[in-house]
Amino acid sequence: MFGDLFGKLQEAQQKMSDSKERLKHVTVEGEAGNGAVKVIVTGSREVQSLELDPSLLQAGRKEELEDLLITALNRALKNAENAWEAEMKNVAGGMLGGMGLPGM
């Protein structure tokens, strides 16, 4: 019994590791200001790119640019979090379904 459980735990650990690796290659976007600022991050929450509309680089628009950057980054990170949660639910569902635990 414990050998089977140990094997399932090792399998679950491998699935988690595989999921984390997959998330490194998933990209999501966040934008603000009707696309004036775009941020691309991976599912593992690493910023990959940042695009700015050149008009935001003009003198006197510093505060607006900062606000748009924060908004776009937060949106991208939230999208990455959603991708991570979906991946983890998929892994957890596969693990629990395969363990045959009563009441789960």
PDB file of N, CA and C in Angstrom:
ATOM      1  N   MET A   1       0.819  -1.192   0.000  1.00  0.00           N
ATOM      2  CA  MET A   1       0.000   0.000   0.000  1.00  0.00           C
ATOM      3  C   MET A   1       0.867   1.262   0.000  1.00  0.00           C
ATOM      4  N   PHE A   2       1.874   1.306   0.900  1.00  0.00           N
ATOM      5  CA  PHE A   2       2.709   2.500   0.980  1.00  0.00           C
ATOM      6  C   PHE A   2       3.594   2.637  -0.253  1.00  0.00           C
ATOM      7  N   GLY A   3       4.005   1.515  -0.811  1.00  0.00           N
ATOM      8  CA  GLY A   3       4.808   1.560  -2.037  1.00  0.00           C
ATOM      9  C   GLY A   3       4.022   2.190  -3.164  1.00  0.00           C
ATOM     10  N   ASP A   4       2.739   1.839  -3.285  1.00  0.00           N
ATOM     11  CA  ASP A   4       1.887   2.417  -4.318  1.00  0.00           C
ATOM     12  C   ASP A   4       1.698   3.912  -4.081  1.00  0.00           C
ATOM     13  N   LEU A   5       1.496   4.286  -2.829  1.00  0.00           N
ATOM     14  CA  LEU A   5       1.323   5.697  -2.490  1.00  0.00           C
ATOM     15  C   LEU A   5       2.604   6.473  -2.784  1.00  0.00           C
ATOM     16  N   PHE A   6       3.737   5.884  -2.437  1.00  0.00           N
ATOM     17  CA  PHE A   6       5.022   6.527  -2.701  1.00  0.00           C
ATOM     18  C   PHE A   6       5.214   6.729  -4.202  1.00  0.00           C
ATOM     19  N   GLY A   7       4.854   5.730  -4.982  1.00  0.00           N
ATOM     20  CA  GLY A   7       4.961   5.830  -6.439  1.00  0.00           C
ATOM     21  C   GLY A   7       4.077   6.940  -6.985  1.00  0.00           C
ATOM     22  N   LYS A   8       2.874   7.058  -6.449  1.00  0.00           N
ATOM     23  CA  LYS A   8       1.955   8.118  -6.889  1.00  0.00           C
ATOM     24  C   LYS A   8       2.488   9.493  -6.498  1.00  0.00           C
ATOM     25  N   LEU A   9       3.105   9.582  -5.330  1.00  0.00           N
ATOM     26  CA  LEU A   9       3.690  10.856  -4.911  1.00  0.00           C
ATOM     27  C   LEU A   9       4.853  11.253  -5.817  1.00  0.00           C
ATOM     28  N   GLN A  10       5.665  10.287  -6.202  1.00  0.00           N
ATOM     29  CA  GLN A  10       6.761  10.568  -7.124  1.00  0.00           C
ATOM     30  C   GLN A  10       6.213  11.009  -8.479  1.00  0.00           C
ATOM     31  N   GLU A  11       5.157  10.350  -8.925  1.00  0.00           N
ATOM     32  CA  GLU A  11       4.514  10.715 -10.186  1.00  0.00           C
ATOM     33  C   GLU A  11       3.956  12.141 -10.109  1.00  0.00           C
ATOM     34  N   ALA A  12       3.337  12.476  -8.988  1.00  0.00           N
ATOM     35  CA  ALA A  12       2.783  13.817  -8.797  1.00  0.00           C
ATOM     36  C   ALA A  12       3.897  14.861  -8.809  1.00  0.00           C
ATOM     37  N   GLN A  13       4.996  14.549  -8.178  1.00  0.00           N
ATOM     38  CA  GLN A  13       6.136  15.462  -8.133  1.00  0.00           C
ATOM     39  C   GLN A  13       6.662  15.711  -9.548  1.00  0.00           C
ATOM     40  N   GLN A  14       6.723  14.657 -10.346  1.00  0.00           N
ATOM     41  CA  GLN A  14       7.194  14.792 -11.732  1.00  0.00           C
ATOM     42  C   GLN A  14       6.217  15.633 -12.554  1.00  0.00           C
ATOM     43  N   LYS A  15       4.915  15.424 -12.344  1.00  0.00           N
ATOM     44  CA  LYS A  15       3.916  16.206 -13.074  1.00  0.00           C
ATOM     45  C   LYS A  15       4.017  17.683 -12.708  1.00  0.00           C
ATOM     46  N   MET A  16       4.258  17.987 -11.438  1.00  0.00           N
ATOM     47  CA  MET A  16       4.421  19.372 -11.014  1.00  0.00           C
ATOM     48  C   MET A  16       5.648  19.991 -11.681  1.00  0.00           C
ATOM     49  N   SER A  17       6.723  19.247 -11.718  1.00  0.00           N
ATOM     50  CA  SER A  17       7.948  19.730 -12.352  1.00  0.00           C
ATOM     51  C   SER A  17       7.720  19.974 -13.846  1.00  0.00           C
ATOM     52  N   ASP A  18       7.032  19.054 -14.503  1.00  0.00           N
ATOM     53  CA  ASP A  18       6.723  19.211 -15.924  1.00  0.00           C
ATOM     54  C   ASP A  18       5.848  20.437 -16.160  1.00  0.00           C
ATOM     55  N   SER A  19       4.884  20.656 -15.280  1.00  0.00           N
ATOM     56  CA  SER A  19       3.990  21.807 -15.404  1.00  0.00           C
ATOM     57  C   SER A  19       4.756  23.108 -15.260  1.00  0.00           C
ATOM     58  N   LYS A  20       5.646  23.173 -14.300  1.00  0.00           N
ATOM     59  CA  LYS A  20       6.444  24.380 -14.104  1.00  0.00           C
ATOM     60  C   LYS A  20       7.298  24.668 -15.330  1.00  0.00           C
ATOM     61  N   GLU A  21       7.821  23.630 -15.936  1.00  0.00           N
ATOM     62  CA  GLU A  21       8.629  23.797 -17.149  1.00  0.00           C
ATOM     63  C   GLU A  21       7.750  24.296 -18.301  1.00  0.00           C
ATOM     64  N   ARG A  22       6.544  23.744 -18.446  1.00  0.00           N
ATOM     65  CA  ARG A  22       5.626  24.194 -19.495  1.00  0.00           C
ATOM     66  C   ARG A  22       5.265  25.669 -19.315  1.00  0.00           C
ATOM     67  N   LEU A  23       5.050  26.071 -18.070  1.00  0.00           N
ATOM     68  CA  LEU A  23       4.655  27.457 -17.799  1.00  0.00           C
ATOM     69  C   LEU A  23       5.744  28.460 -18.186  1.00  0.00           C
ATOM     70  N   LYS A  24       6.986  28.020 -18.220  1.00  0.00           N
ATOM     71  CA  LYS A  24       8.069  28.902 -18.655  1.00  0.00           C
ATOM     72  C   LYS A  24       7.914  29.290 -20.118  1.00  0.00           C
ATOM     73  N   HIS A  25       7.182  28.462 -20.886  1.00  0.00           N
ATOM     74  CA  HIS A  25       7.037  28.670 -22.323  1.00  0.00           C
ATOM     75  C   HIS A  25       5.673  29.220 -22.719  1.00  0.00           C
ATOM     76  N   VAL A  26       4.791  29.409 -21.754  1.00  0.00           N
ATOM     77  CA  VAL A  26       3.483  30.016 -21.993  1.00  0.00           C
ATOM     78  C   VAL A  26       3.648  31.522 -21.846  1.00  0.00           C
ATOM     79  N   THR A  27       3.125  32.293 -22.795  1.00  0.00           N
ATOM     80  CA  THR A  27       3.194  33.739 -22.666  1.00  0.00           C
ATOM     81  C   THR A  27       1.789  34.330 -22.625  1.00  0.00           C
ATOM     82  N   VAL A  28       1.652  35.366 -21.823  1.00  0.00           N
ATOM     83  CA  VAL A  28       0.393  36.094 -21.704  1.00  0.00           C
ATOM     84  C   VAL A  28       0.704  37.583 -21.786  1.00  0.00           C
ATOM     85  N   GLU A  29      -0.312  38.371 -22.109  1.00  0.00           N
ATOM     86  CA  GLU A  29      -0.130  39.799 -22.313  1.00  0.00           C
ATOM     87  C   GLU A  29      -0.982  40.602 -21.349  1.00  0.00           C
ATOM     88  N   GLY A  30      -0.497  41.759 -21.035  1.00  0.00           N
ATOM     89  CA  GLY A  30      -1.268  42.759 -20.312  1.00  0.00           C
ATOM     90  C   GLY A  30      -1.056  44.080 -21.014  1.00  0.00           C
ATOM     91  N   GLU A  31      -2.111  44.869 -21.111  1.00  0.00           N
ATOM     92  CA  GLU A  31      -1.950  46.163 -21.766  1.00  0.00           C
ATOM     93  C   GLU A  31      -2.733  47.232 -21.033  1.00  0.00           C
ATOM     94  N   ALA A  32      -2.396  48.466 -21.360  1.00  0.00           N
ATOM     95  CA  ALA A  32      -3.071  49.615 -20.749  1.00  0.00           C
ATOM     96  C   ALA A  32      -3.063  50.759 -21.750  1.00  0.00           C
ATOM     97  N   GLY A  33      -3.944  51.704 -21.532  1.00  0.00           N
ATOM     98  CA  GLY A  33      -3.997  52.879 -22.398  1.00  0.00           C
ATOM     99  C   GLY A  33      -4.357  52.540 -23.826  1.00  0.00           C
ATOM    100  N   ASN A  34      -5.342  51.633 -24.003  1.00  0.00           N
ATOM    101  CA  ASN A  34      -5.762  51.206 -25.345  1.00  0.00           C
ATOM    102  C   ASN A  34      -4.589  50.704 -26.182  1.00  0.00           C
ATOM    103  N   GLY A  35      -3.702  49.943 -25.527  1.00  0.00           N
ATOM    104  CA  GLY A  35      -2.568  49.356 -26.232  1.00  0.00           C
ATOM    105  C   GLY A  35      -1.321  50.226 -26.262  1.00  0.00           C
ATOM    106  N   ALA A  36      -1.347  51.372 -25.597  1.00  0.00           N
ATOM    107  CA  ALA A  36      -0.171  52.252 -25.576  1.00  0.00           C
ATOM    108  C   ALA A  36       0.994  51.596 -24.842  1.00  0.00           C
ATOM    109  N   VAL A  37       0.675  50.728 -23.874  1.00  0.00           N
ATOM    110  CA  VAL A  37       1.691  49.968 -23.153  1.00  0.00           C
ATOM    111  C   VAL A  37       1.276  48.498 -23.196  1.00  0.00           C
ATOM    112  N   LYS A  38       2.206  47.650 -23.656  1.00  0.00           N
ATOM    113  CA  LYS A  38       1.955  46.213 -23.706  1.00  0.00           C
ATOM    114  C   LYS A  38       3.101  45.496 -23.010  1.00  0.00           C
ATOM    115  N   VAL A  39       2.730  44.516 -22.186  1.00  0.00           N
ATOM    116  CA  VAL A  39       3.715  43.732 -21.446  1.00  0.00           C
ATOM    117  C   VAL A  39       3.443  42.254 -21.727  1.00  0.00           C
ATOM    118  N   ILE A  40       4.488  41.513 -22.035  1.00  0.00           N
ATOM    119  CA  ILE A  40       4.395  40.066 -22.228  1.00  0.00           C
ATOM    120  C   ILE A  40       5.156  39.402 -21.090  1.00  0.00           C
ATOM    121  N   VAL A  41       4.494  38.457 -20.394  1.00  0.00           N
ATOM    122  CA  VAL A  41       5.147  37.690 -19.331  1.00  0.00           C
ATOM    123  C   VAL A  41       4.908  36.209 -19.575  1.00  0.00           C
ATOM    124  N   THR A  42       5.751  35.394 -18.968  1.00  0.00           N
ATOM    125  CA  THR A  42       5.570  33.944 -19.063  1.00  0.00           C
ATOM    126  C   THR A  42       4.601  33.486 -17.980  1.00  0.00           C
ATOM    127  N   GLY A  43       4.154  32.250 -18.112  1.00  0.00           N
ATOM    128  CA  GLY A  43       3.304  31.659 -17.092  1.00  0.00           C
ATOM    129  C   GLY A  43       4.007  31.530 -15.756  1.00  0.00           C
ATOM    130  N   SER A  44       5.329  31.601 -15.764  1.00  0.00           N
ATOM    131  CA  SER A  44       6.086  31.569 -14.511  1.00  0.00           C
ATOM    132  C   SER A  44       6.426  32.988 -14.035  1.00  0.00           C
ATOM    133  N   ARG A  45       5.698  33.962 -14.576  1.00  0.00           N
ATOM    134  CA  ARG A  45       5.744  35.364 -14.131  1.00  0.00           C
ATOM    135  C   ARG A  45       7.073  36.068 -14.387  1.00  0.00           C
ATOM    136  N   GLU A  46       7.688  35.781 -15.508  1.00  0.00           N
ATOM    137  CA  GLU A  46       8.918  36.454 -15.898  1.00  0.00           C
ATOM    138  C   GLU A  46       8.602  37.393 -17.060  1.00  0.00           C
ATOM    139  N   VAL A  47       8.947  38.672 -16.923  1.00  0.00           N
ATOM    140  CA  VAL A  47       8.674  39.646 -17.979  1.00  0.00           C
ATOM    141  C   VAL A  47       9.560  39.334 -19.179  1.00  0.00           C
ATOM    142  N   GLN A  48       8.920  39.203 -20.358  1.00  0.00           N
ATOM    143  CA  GLN A  48       9.648  38.902 -21.585  1.00  0.00           C
ATOM    144  C   GLN A  48       9.842  40.132 -22.462  1.00  0.00           C
ATOM    145  N   SER A  49       8.805  40.973 -22.540  1.00  0.00           N
ATOM    146  CA  SER A  49       8.946  42.167 -23.378  1.00  0.00           C
ATOM    147  C   SER A  49       8.020  43.267 -22.887  1.00  0.00           C
ATOM    148  N   LEU A  50       8.353  44.459 -23.323  1.00  0.00           N
ATOM    149  CA  LEU A  50       7.613  45.659 -22.953  1.00  0.00           C
ATOM    150  C   LEU A  50       7.598  46.566 -24.184  1.00  0.00           C
ATOM    151  N   GLU A  51       6.393  46.958 -24.599  1.00  0.00           N
ATOM    152  CA  GLU A  51       6.259  47.859 -25.743  1.00  0.00           C
ATOM    153  C   GLU A  51       5.589  49.144 -25.282  1.00  0.00           C
ATOM    154  N   LEU A  52       6.144  50.274 -25.727  1.00  0.00           N
ATOM    155  CA  LEU A  52       5.597  51.582 -25.370  1.00  0.00           C
ATOM    156  C   LEU A  52       5.293  52.362 -26.637  1.00  0.00           C
ATOM    157  N   ASP A  53       4.162  53.021 -26.647  1.00  0.00           N
ATOM    158  CA  ASP A  53       3.857  53.943 -27.732  1.00  0.00           C
ATOM    159  C   ASP A  53       4.832  55.114 -27.603  1.00  0.00           C
ATOM    160  N   PRO A  54       5.504  55.489 -28.679  1.00  0.00           N
ATOM    161  CA  PRO A  54       6.498  56.567 -28.596  1.00  0.00           C
ATOM    162  C   PRO A  54       5.945  57.887 -28.053  1.00  0.00           C
ATOM    163  N   SER A  55       4.661  58.126 -28.208  1.00  0.00           N
ATOM    164  CA  SER A  55       4.093  59.380 -27.714  1.00  0.00           C
ATOM    165  C   SER A  55       4.189  59.484 -26.192  1.00  0.00           C
ATOM    166  N   LEU A  56       4.296  58.337 -25.509  1.00  0.00           N
ATOM    167  CA  LEU A  56       4.405  58.349 -24.052  1.00  0.00           C
ATOM    168  C   LEU A  56       5.784  58.797 -23.567  1.00  0.00           C
ATOM    169  N   LEU A  57       6.739  58.889 -24.486  1.00  0.00           N
ATOM    170  CA  LEU A  57       8.105  59.262 -24.122  1.00  0.00           C
ATOM    171  C   LEU A  57       8.341  60.767 -24.197  1.00  0.00           C
ATOM    172  N   GLN A  58       7.302  61.508 -24.501  1.00  0.00           N
ATOM    173  CA  GLN A  58       7.419  62.959 -24.583  1.00  0.00           C
ATOM    174  C   GLN A  58       7.498  63.560 -23.181  1.00  0.00           C
ATOM    175  N   ALA A  59       8.139  64.702 -23.125  1.00  0.00           N
ATOM    176  CA  ALA A  59       8.261  65.417 -21.851  1.00  0.00           C
ATOM    177  C   ALA A  59       6.875  65.705 -21.273  1.00  0.00           C
ATOM    178  N   GLY A  60       6.753  65.590 -19.970  1.00  0.00           N
ATOM    179  CA  GLY A  60       5.497  65.890 -19.303  1.00  0.00           C
ATOM    180  C   GLY A  60       4.546  64.709 -19.197  1.00  0.00           C
ATOM    181  N   ARG A  61       4.927  63.547 -19.711  1.00  0.00           N
ATOM    182  CA  ARG A  61       4.034  62.380 -19.663  1.00  0.00           C
ATOM    183  C   ARG A  61       4.577  61.285 -18.744  1.00  0.00           C
ATOM    184  N   LYS A  62       5.564  61.640 -17.936  1.00  0.00           N
ATOM    185  CA  LYS A  62       6.210  60.671 -17.050  1.00  0.00           C
ATOM    186  C   LYS A  62       5.202  59.975 -16.138  1.00  0.00           C
ATOM    187  N   GLU A  63       4.359  60.744 -15.476  1.00  0.00           N
ATOM    188  CA  GLU A  63       3.400  60.168 -14.533  1.00  0.00           C
ATOM    189  C   GLU A  63       2.396  59.258 -15.250  1.00  0.00           C
ATOM    190  N   GLU A  64       1.940  59.677 -16.402  1.00  0.00           N
ATOM    191  CA  GLU A  64       1.008  58.847 -17.186  1.00  0.00           C
ATOM    192  C   GLU A  64       1.678  57.536 -17.588  1.00  0.00           C
ATOM    193  N   LEU A  65       2.920  57.619 -18.045  1.00  0.00           N
ATOM    194  CA  LEU A  65       3.664  56.417 -18.436  1.00  0.00           C
ATOM    195  C   LEU A  65       3.820  55.473 -17.250  1.00  0.00           C
ATOM    196  N   GLU A  66       4.167  56.004 -16.098  1.00  0.00           N
ATOM    197  CA  GLU A  66       4.327  55.166 -14.902  1.00  0.00           C
ATOM    198  C   GLU A  66       3.017  54.474 -14.550  1.00  0.00           C
ATOM    199  N   ASP A  67       1.914  55.215 -14.598  1.00  0.00           N
ATOM    200  CA  ASP A  67       0.608  54.620 -14.289  1.00  0.00           C
ATOM    201  C   ASP A  67       0.248  53.519 -15.277  1.00  0.00           C
ATOM    202  N   LEU A  68       0.488  53.769 -16.556  1.00  0.00           N
ATOM    203  CA  LEU A  68       0.169  52.767 -17.578  1.00  0.00           C
ATOM    204  C   LEU A  68       1.059  51.530 -17.448  1.00  0.00           C
ATOM    205  N   LEU A  69       2.330  51.742 -17.110  1.00  0.00           N
ATOM    206  CA  LEU A  69       3.241  50.608 -16.902  1.00  0.00           C
ATOM    207  C   LEU A  69       2.764  49.734 -15.747  1.00  0.00           C
ATOM    208  N   ILE A  70       2.398  50.353 -14.658  1.00  0.00           N
ATOM    209  CA  ILE A  70       1.921  49.597 -13.496  1.00  0.00           C
ATOM    210  C   ILE A  70       0.660  48.815 -13.852  1.00  0.00           C
ATOM    211  N   THR A  71      -0.268  49.465 -14.539  1.00  0.00           N
ATOM    212  CA  THR A  71      -1.520  48.801 -14.924  1.00  0.00           C
ATOM    213  C   THR A  71      -1.244  47.626 -15.854  1.00  0.00           C
ATOM    214  N   ALA A  72      -0.430  47.838 -16.883  1.00  0.00           N
ATOM    215  CA  ALA A  72      -0.140  46.771 -17.844  1.00  0.00           C
ATOM    216  C   ALA A  72       0.600  45.612 -17.176  1.00  0.00           C
ATOM    217  N   LEU A  73       1.569  45.914 -16.321  1.00  0.00           N
ATOM    218  CA  LEU A  73       2.302  44.858 -15.617  1.00  0.00           C
ATOM    219  C   LEU A  73       1.383  44.060 -14.702  1.00  0.00           C
ATOM    220  N   ASN A  74       0.538  44.752 -13.962  1.00  0.00           N
ATOM    221  CA  ASN A  74      -0.391  44.042 -13.078  1.00  0.00           C
ATOM    222  C   ASN A  74      -1.352  43.159 -13.863  1.00  0.00           C
ATOM    223  N   ARG A  75      -1.832  43.633 -14.994  1.00  0.00           N
ATOM    224  CA  ARG A  75      -2.724  42.815 -15.826  1.00  0.00           C
ATOM    225  C   ARG A  75      -2.008  41.591 -16.374  1.00  0.00           C
ATOM    226  N   ALA A  76      -0.785  41.789 -16.850  1.00  0.00           N
ATOM    227  CA  ALA A  76      -0.016  40.658 -17.379  1.00  0.00           C
ATOM    228  C   ALA A  76       0.273  39.638 -16.282  1.00  0.00           C
ATOM    229  N   LEU A  77       0.652  40.112 -15.103  1.00  0.00           N
ATOM    230  CA  LEU A  77       0.943  39.202 -13.993  1.00  0.00           C
ATOM    231  C   LEU A  77      -0.310  38.465 -13.538  1.00  0.00           C
ATOM    232  N   LYS A  78      -1.450  39.128 -13.571  1.00  0.00           N
ATOM    233  CA  LYS A  78      -2.710  38.463 -13.222  1.00  0.00           C
ATOM    234  C   LYS A  78      -3.035  37.385 -14.251  1.00  0.00           C
ATOM    235  N   ASN A  79      -2.811  37.674 -15.524  1.00  0.00           N
ATOM    236  CA  ASN A  79      -3.031  36.663 -16.561  1.00  0.00           C
ATOM    237  C   ASN A  79      -2.079  35.483 -16.394  1.00  0.00           C
ATOM    238  N   ALA A  80      -0.842  35.757 -15.991  1.00  0.00           N
ATOM    239  CA  ALA A  80       0.121  34.684 -15.736  1.00  0.00           C
ATOM    240  C   ALA A  80      -0.323  33.851 -14.540  1.00  0.00           C
ATOM    241  N   GLU A  81      -0.840  34.509 -13.515  1.00  0.00           N
ATOM    242  CA  GLU A  81      -1.340  33.793 -12.344  1.00  0.00           C
ATOM    243  C   GLU A  81      -2.507  32.882 -12.733  1.00  0.00           C
ATOM    244  N   ASN A  82      -3.391  33.377 -13.578  1.00  0.00           N
ATOM    245  CA  ASN A  82      -4.517  32.563 -14.040  1.00  0.00           C
ATOM    246  C   ASN A  82      -4.034  31.347 -14.822  1.00  0.00           C
ATOM    247  N   ALA A  83      -3.013  31.534 -15.664  1.00  0.00           N
ATOM    248  CA  ALA A  83      -2.451  30.412 -16.420  1.00  0.00           C
ATOM    249  C   ALA A  83      -1.831  29.392 -15.468  1.00  0.00           C
ATOM    250  N   TRP A  84      -1.131  29.879 -14.440  1.00  0.00           N
ATOM    251  CA  TRP A  84      -0.506  28.997 -13.452  1.00  0.00           C
ATOM    252  C   TRP A  84      -1.568  28.211 -12.688  1.00  0.00           C
ATOM    253  N   GLU A  85      -2.619  28.902 -12.261  1.00  0.00           N
ATOM    254  CA  GLU A  85      -3.694  28.230 -11.514  1.00  0.00           C
ATOM    255  C   GLU A  85      -4.376  27.163 -12.371  1.00  0.00           C
ATOM    256  N   ALA A  86      -4.613  27.472 -13.629  1.00  0.00           N
ATOM    257  CA  ALA A  86      -5.246  26.493 -14.522  1.00  0.00           C
ATOM    258  C   ALA A  86      -4.359  25.263 -14.687  1.00  0.00           C
ATOM    259  N   GLU A  87      -3.066  25.483 -14.821  1.00  0.00           N
ATOM    260  CA  GLU A  87      -2.124  24.365 -14.961  1.00  0.00           C
ATOM    261  C   GLU A  87      -2.091  23.523 -13.693  1.00  0.00           C
ATOM    262  N   MET A  88      -2.072  24.171 -12.530  1.00  0.00           N
ATOM    263  CA  MET A  88      -2.019  23.439 -11.267  1.00  0.00           C
ATOM    264  C   MET A  88      -3.325  22.667 -11.018  1.00  0.00           C
ATOM    265  N   LYS A  89      -4.454  23.239 -11.401  1.00  0.00           N
ATOM    266  CA  LYS A  89      -5.727  22.524 -11.262  1.00  0.00           C
ATOM    267  C   LYS A  89      -5.729  21.284 -12.142  1.00  0.00           C
ATOM    268  N   ASN A  90      -5.173  21.425 -13.323  1.00  0.00           N
ATOM    269  CA  ASN A  90      -5.089  20.295 -14.237  1.00  0.00           C
ATOM    270  C   ASN A  90      -4.234  19.180 -13.633  1.00  0.00           C
ATOM    271  N   VAL A  91      -3.104  19.550 -13.058  1.00  0.00           N
ATOM    272  CA  VAL A  91      -2.219  18.563 -12.434  1.00  0.00           C
ATOM    273  C   VAL A  91      -2.904  17.943 -11.215  1.00  0.00           C
ATOM    274  N   ALA A  92      -3.499  18.777 -10.374  1.00  0.00           N
ATOM    275  CA  ALA A  92      -4.140  18.284  -9.156  1.00  0.00           C
ATOM    276  C   ALA A  92      -5.306  17.362  -9.491  1.00  0.00           C
ATOM    277  N   GLY A  93      -6.080  17.727 -10.492  1.00  0.00           N
ATOM    278  CA  GLY A  93      -7.202  16.886 -10.897  1.00  0.00           C
ATOM    279  C   GLY A  93      -6.734  15.525 -11.381  1.00  0.00           C
ATOM    280  N   GLY A  94      -5.637  15.519 -12.120  1.00  0.00           N
ATOM    281  CA  GLY A  94      -5.086  14.263 -12.588  1.00  0.00           C
ATOM    282  C   GLY A  94      -4.544  13.403 -11.470  1.00  0.00           C
ATOM    283  N   MET A  95      -3.962  14.054 -10.468  1.00  0.00           N
ATOM    284  CA  MET A  95      -3.399  13.301  -9.341  1.00  0.00           C
ATOM    285  C   MET A  95      -4.497  12.727  -8.468  1.00  0.00           C
ATOM    286  N   LEU A  96      -5.465  13.537  -8.126  1.00  0.00           N
ATOM    287  CA  LEU A  96      -6.516  13.075  -7.224  1.00  0.00           C
ATOM    288  C   LEU A  96      -7.408  12.031  -7.885  1.00  0.00           C
ATOM    289  N   GLY A  97      -7.637  12.229  -9.182  1.00  0.00           N
ATOM    290  CA  GLY A  97      -8.467  11.255  -9.889  1.00  0.00           C
ATOM    291  C   GLY A  97      -7.799   9.904  -9.977  1.00  0.00           C
ATOM    292  N   GLY A  98      -6.464   9.908 -10.059  1.00  0.00           N
ATOM    293  CA  GLY A  98      -5.740   8.649 -10.194  1.00  0.00           C
ATOM    294  C   GLY A  98      -5.440   7.974  -8.879  1.00  0.00           C
ATOM    295  N   MET A  99      -5.641   8.644  -7.750  1.00  0.00           N
ATOM    296  CA  MET A  99      -5.285   8.056  -6.462  1.00  0.00           C
ATOM    297  C   MET A  99      -6.421   7.235  -5.888  1.00  0.00           C
ATOM    298  N   GLY A 100      -7.618   7.456  -6.351  1.00  0.00           N
ATOM    299  CA  GLY A 100      -8.740   6.665  -5.860  1.00  0.00           C
ATOM    300  C   GLY A 100      -9.013   6.842  -4.382  1.00  0.00           C
ATOM    301  N   LEU A 101      -8.884   8.070  -3.901  1.00  0.00           N
ATOM    302  CA  LEU A 101      -9.143   8.334  -2.491  1.00  0.00           C
ATOM    303  C   LEU A 101     -10.622   8.547  -2.278  1.00  0.00           C
ATOM    304  N   PRO A 102     -11.206   7.850  -1.315  1.00  0.00           N
ATOM    305  CA  PRO A 102     -12.633   8.024  -1.050  1.00  0.00           C
ATOM    306  C   PRO A 102     -12.947   9.446  -0.626  1.00  0.00           C
ATOM    307  N   GLY A 103     -14.042   9.965  -1.113  1.00  0.00           N
ATOM    308  CA  GLY A 103     -14.496  11.293  -0.730  1.00  0.00           C
ATOM    309  C   GLY A 103     -13.803  12.409  -1.456  1.00  0.00           C
ATOM    310  N   MET A 104     -12.902  12.118  -2.375  1.00  0.00           N
ATOM    311  CA  MET A 104     -12.181  13.172  -3.101  1.00  0.00           C
ATOM    312  C   MET A 104     -12.744  13.305  -4.490  1.00  0.00           C
TER     313      MET A 104
END
